[in-house]
Amino acid sequence: MADLYLKALQSERKALWATCRLKGLPRGSPERLRLVEIDAKIAAHAARGS
């Protein structure tokens, strides 16, 4: 079965990363902070064993 939570996180991360790259947003901006949060959630989800 597909892990929809993980797919949603990865999709949001990909879109945010593209936005940050295109706009050249600095560290500390809300979008970059959200990327850090998403990375932590993905890592926690992987450590949990999906």
C-alpha atoms as a PDB file:
ATOM      1  CA  MET A   1       0.000   0.000   0.000  1.00  0.00           C
ATOM      2  CA  ALA A   2       1.227   3.473  -0.824  1.00  0.00           C
ATOM      3  CA  ASP A   3       2.290   5.650   2.055  1.00  0.00           C
ATOM      4  CA  LEU A   4       0.253   8.751   1.283  1.00  0.00           C
ATOM      5  CA  TYR A   5       1.597  10.732   4.262  1.00  0.00           C
ATOM      6  CA  LEU A   6       5.177  10.278   3.078  1.00  0.00           C
ATOM      7  CA  LYS A   7       4.261  11.093  -0.515  1.00  0.00           C
ATOM      8  CA  ALA A   8       2.499  14.285   0.591  1.00  0.00           C
ATOM      9  CA  LEU A   9       5.528  15.372   2.629  1.00  0.00           C
ATOM     10  CA  GLN A  10       7.899  14.681  -0.248  1.00  0.00           C
ATOM     11  CA  SER A  11       5.677  16.523  -2.693  1.00  0.00           C
ATOM     12  CA  GLU A  12       5.441  19.583  -0.439  1.00  0.00           C
ATOM     13  CA  ARG A  13       9.206  19.487   0.104  1.00  0.00           C
ATOM     14  CA  LYS A  14       9.892  19.336  -3.624  1.00  0.00           C
ATOM     15  CA  ALA A  15       7.614  22.299  -4.334  1.00  0.00           C
ATOM     16  CA  LEU A  16       9.091  24.371  -1.500  1.00  0.00           C
ATOM     17  CA  TRP A  17      12.635  23.594  -2.554  1.00  0.00           C
ATOM     18  CA  ALA A  18      11.881  24.702  -6.105  1.00  0.00           C
ATOM     19  CA  THR A  19      10.352  27.939  -4.821  1.00  0.00           C
ATOM     20  CA  CYS A  20      13.357  28.613  -2.609  1.00  0.00           C
ATOM     21  CA  ARG A  21      15.774  27.989  -5.453  1.00  0.00           C
ATOM     22  CA  LEU A  22      13.891  30.146  -7.965  1.00  0.00           C
ATOM     23  CA  LYS A  23      13.465  33.067  -5.590  1.00  0.00           C
ATOM     24  CA  GLY A  24      16.883  32.692  -3.991  1.00  0.00           C
ATOM     25  CA  LEU A  25      15.421  32.754  -0.492  1.00  0.00           C
ATOM     26  CA  PRO A  26      17.945  33.019   2.350  1.00  0.00           C
ATOM     27  CA  ARG A  27      18.218  30.693   5.316  1.00  0.00           C
ATOM     28  CA  GLY A  28      15.828  31.701   8.036  1.00  0.00           C
ATOM     29  CA  SER A  29      12.986  32.552   5.682  1.00  0.00           C
ATOM     30  CA  PRO A  30       9.634  30.880   6.499  1.00  0.00           C
ATOM     31  CA  GLU A  31       9.865  28.612   3.459  1.00  0.00           C
ATOM     32  CA  ARG A  32      13.348  27.398   4.372  1.00  0.00           C
ATOM     33  CA  LEU A  33      12.261  26.806   7.973  1.00  0.00           C
ATOM     34  CA  ARG A  34       9.336  24.734   6.704  1.00  0.00           C
ATOM     35  CA  LEU A  35      11.808  22.645   4.676  1.00  0.00           C
ATOM     36  CA  VAL A  36      13.701  21.857   7.885  1.00  0.00           C
ATOM     37  CA  GLU A  37      10.435  20.825   9.574  1.00  0.00           C
ATOM     38  CA  ILE A  38       9.494  18.575   6.662  1.00  0.00           C
ATOM     39  CA  ASP A  39      12.946  16.951   6.647  1.00  0.00           C
ATOM     40  CA  ALA A  40      12.556  16.185  10.359  1.00  0.00           C
ATOM     41  CA  LYS A  41       9.109  14.670   9.798  1.00  0.00           C
ATOM     42  CA  ILE A  42      10.386  12.517   6.930  1.00  0.00           C
ATOM     43  CA  ALA A  43      13.307  11.304   9.053  1.00  0.00           C
ATOM     44  CA  ALA A  44      11.018  10.518  11.987  1.00  0.00           C
ATOM     45  CA  HIS A  45       8.646   8.663   9.705  1.00  0.00           C
ATOM     46  CA  ALA A  46      11.486   6.596   8.235  1.00  0.00           C
ATOM     47  CA  ALA A  47      12.873   5.808  11.692  1.00  0.00           C
ATOM     48  CA  ARG A  48       9.453   4.631  12.802  1.00  0.00           C
ATOM     49  CA  GLY A  49       9.571   2.007  10.074  1.00  0.00           C
ATOM     50  CA  SER A  50       6.794   3.561   8.011  1.00  0.00           C
END
